[in-house]
Amino acid sequence: MRINFQTEYAFRILIFLQLKREEETISTRQIAEAFNISVTHLNKVSQHLVRLGFLTATRGRNGGIALAEGVLDKKVGDIMKAIEPSEDLAQCKGRIGLAPCAISPVCKLKGVLAEGKEAFWESLNQYKLSELITGDENANDIKILL
C-alpha cells in the first residue's frame, strides 16, 4: 500500500507541531522551509487537517496552525483513514468505461486483499499520534534543525 503526498505531508505537519508544542502557533511557511517542500501544497494539506478537526488555525499576522485538543490521543490508522481516500486495492468490478474482470465470480483475490488492508489498519491503530516521536536524546539535534 502506498500513501499519497497529502498523507505524507499531513503526518509531517502533525509530527512537526508535536515537536514545537511549546509554541502557540506555527506558520505553514516555517514548516515548509523545515522540510524544503512547497508552501502551497502544505497550505492545502493543513486546511484539510483543520476541516478534519486535527488542527486549529489562527488568521492574521501572528497566525498559524496548532494541534487541536485531543489529537495526540488519536490512532495513526484512524488519522490516515480520514486523510486518505479509501480505495479498493483491486478493481474487480471494473472502473468507469472498463468491463469487470472476467474471473471475478470465482476469484478470491479481492477478499484476500481486503483482509490484508484490514490488517494494515489494525497495525497502524496500535499507535497513537503521540507515540510517533521518540524521547531519544538525538531528538534534540532534530529540534535544532527545526
Protein backbone atom coordinates (compact mmCIF):
# COMPACT_ATOMS: atom_id res chain seq x y z
CA MET A 1 0.00 0.00 0.00
CA ARG A 2 1.30 3.42 -0.87
CA ILE A 3 0.29 6.71 0.75
CA ASN A 4 -0.12 9.84 -1.33
CA PHE A 5 1.83 13.07 -0.84
CA GLN A 6 -1.10 14.65 1.00
CA THR A 7 -0.99 11.98 3.71
CA GLU A 8 2.78 12.12 3.99
CA TYR A 9 2.70 15.91 4.33
CA ALA A 10 -0.14 15.68 6.84
CA PHE A 11 1.93 13.44 9.11
CA ARG A 12 4.96 15.71 8.68
CA ILE A 13 2.82 18.64 9.85
CA LEU A 14 1.39 16.72 12.80
CA ILE A 15 4.79 15.48 13.94
CA PHE A 16 6.45 18.88 13.44
CA LEU A 17 3.76 20.54 15.56
CA GLN A 18 4.32 17.90 18.22
CA LEU A 19 7.99 18.84 18.36
CA LYS A 20 7.06 22.53 18.59
CA ARG A 21 4.26 22.14 21.16
CA GLU A 22 5.59 24.90 23.38
CA GLU A 23 4.86 27.48 20.67
CA GLU A 24 1.26 28.64 20.34
CA THR A 25 1.04 28.54 16.55
CA ILE A 26 3.41 27.76 13.71
CA SER A 27 3.19 29.17 10.20
CA THR A 28 2.93 26.73 7.34
CA ARG A 29 5.80 28.64 5.73
CA GLN A 30 8.03 27.70 8.68
CA ILE A 31 7.08 24.02 8.29
CA ALA A 32 7.57 24.12 4.51
CA GLU A 33 11.03 25.61 4.95
CA ALA A 34 11.99 22.98 7.54
CA PHE A 35 11.06 20.18 5.11
CA ASN A 36 12.04 22.05 1.92
CA ILE A 37 8.62 21.50 0.36
CA SER A 38 6.06 23.72 -1.34
CA VAL A 39 4.16 26.17 0.88
CA THR A 40 1.20 25.92 -1.50
CA HIS A 41 0.96 22.15 -1.03
CA LEU A 42 1.40 22.47 2.72
CA ASN A 43 -1.34 25.11 2.94
CA LYS A 44 -3.74 22.81 1.11
CA VAL A 45 -2.92 19.90 3.42
CA SER A 46 -3.12 21.99 6.59
CA GLN A 47 -6.53 23.36 5.56
CA HIS A 48 -7.72 19.78 5.09
CA LEU A 49 -6.41 18.88 8.56
CA VAL A 50 -8.27 21.88 10.02
CA ARG A 51 -11.52 20.75 8.33
CA LEU A 52 -10.99 17.26 9.76
CA GLY A 53 -10.51 18.73 13.25
CA PHE A 54 -6.87 17.65 13.71
CA LEU A 55 -5.55 21.24 13.66
CA THR A 56 -6.72 24.66 14.69
CA ALA A 57 -5.90 27.72 12.63
CA THR A 58 -5.50 31.36 13.59
CA ARG A 59 -5.56 34.08 10.94
CA GLY A 60 -3.57 37.26 10.93
CA ARG A 61 -0.03 38.48 11.28
CA ASN A 62 0.84 36.17 14.18
CA GLY A 63 -1.47 33.41 12.99
CA GLY A 64 -0.66 29.86 12.14
CA ILE A 65 -1.67 26.33 12.90
CA ALA A 66 -1.57 24.24 16.06
CA LEU A 67 -2.58 20.75 17.12
CA ALA A 68 -6.24 20.50 18.06
CA GLU A 69 -7.09 19.41 21.57
CA GLY A 70 -7.06 15.63 21.93
CA VAL A 71 -5.38 14.93 18.58
CA LEU A 72 -2.32 13.38 20.24
CA ASP A 73 -4.57 10.58 21.53
CA LYS A 74 -5.87 9.75 18.04
CA LYS A 75 -4.77 6.48 16.50
CA VAL A 76 -2.47 6.66 13.48
CA GLY A 77 -4.69 4.43 11.34
CA ASP A 78 -7.78 6.50 12.10
CA ILE A 79 -5.94 9.68 11.15
CA MET A 80 -4.72 8.13 7.91
CA LYS A 81 -8.20 6.81 7.04
CA ALA A 82 -9.60 10.31 7.50
CA ILE A 83 -6.96 11.82 5.21
CA GLU A 84 -6.60 9.11 2.53
CA PRO A 85 -9.39 8.35 0.13
CA SER A 86 -10.48 4.78 0.75
CA GLU A 87 -9.97 2.74 -2.39
CA ASP A 88 -10.26 -0.94 -3.07
CA LEU A 89 -6.88 -2.49 -3.78
CA ALA A 90 -8.33 -4.45 -6.70
CA GLN A 91 -10.75 -3.09 -9.28
CA CYS A 92 -12.57 -6.39 -9.86
CA LYS A 93 -15.87 -4.75 -10.78
CA GLY A 94 -14.14 -2.55 -13.34
CA ARG A 95 -13.80 1.21 -13.46
CA ILE A 96 -15.84 3.70 -15.41
CA GLY A 97 -15.56 2.72 -19.04
CA LEU A 98 -13.90 -0.62 -18.25
CA ALA A 99 -15.56 -4.00 -18.06
CA PRO A 100 -15.43 -6.03 -14.85
CA CYS A 101 -12.79 -8.72 -14.59
CA ALA A 102 -13.87 -11.91 -16.37
CA ILE A 103 -12.79 -14.17 -13.50
CA SER A 104 -14.24 -12.12 -10.63
CA PRO A 105 -17.11 -14.59 -9.93
CA VAL A 106 -14.60 -17.30 -8.95
CA CYS A 107 -11.61 -15.22 -7.80
CA LYS A 108 -10.83 -14.70 -4.11
CA LEU A 109 -8.16 -12.04 -4.66
CA LYS A 110 -10.39 -9.12 -3.68
CA GLY A 111 -11.22 -10.78 -0.34
CA VAL A 112 -7.60 -11.61 0.36
CA LEU A 113 -6.56 -8.03 -0.39
CA ALA A 114 -9.36 -6.67 1.80
CA GLU A 115 -8.14 -8.87 4.65
CA GLY A 116 -4.61 -7.55 4.20
CA LYS A 117 -5.87 -3.96 4.13
CA GLU A 118 -7.76 -4.53 7.40
CA ALA A 119 -4.59 -5.97 8.99
CA PHE A 120 -2.74 -2.84 7.81
CA TRP A 121 -5.26 -0.53 9.55
CA GLU A 122 -5.17 -2.65 12.73
CA SER A 123 -1.38 -2.46 12.76
CA LEU A 124 -1.40 1.34 12.42
CA ASN A 125 -4.02 1.66 15.13
CA GLN A 126 -1.67 0.11 17.66
CA TYR A 127 -0.07 3.55 17.85
CA LYS A 128 -1.30 6.98 18.86
CA LEU A 129 -0.04 10.15 17.20
CA SER A 130 1.80 10.99 20.43
CA GLU A 131 3.88 7.82 20.00
CA LEU A 132 5.33 8.84 16.64
CA ILE A 133 8.20 10.81 18.12
CA THR A 134 10.99 9.46 20.24
CA GLY A 135 12.11 10.67 23.64
CA ASP A 136 15.63 9.89 22.48
CA GLU A 137 18.39 12.42 23.18
CA ASN A 138 19.11 12.52 19.43
CA ALA A 139 15.76 14.28 19.04
CA ASN A 140 17.43 17.44 20.36
CA ASP A 141 19.63 17.52 17.24
CA ILE A 142 16.49 17.46 15.09
CA LYS A 143 14.78 20.14 17.18
CA ILE A 144 17.72 22.46 16.50
CA LEU A 145 17.22 21.96 12.74
CA LEU A 146 13.50 22.62 13.00
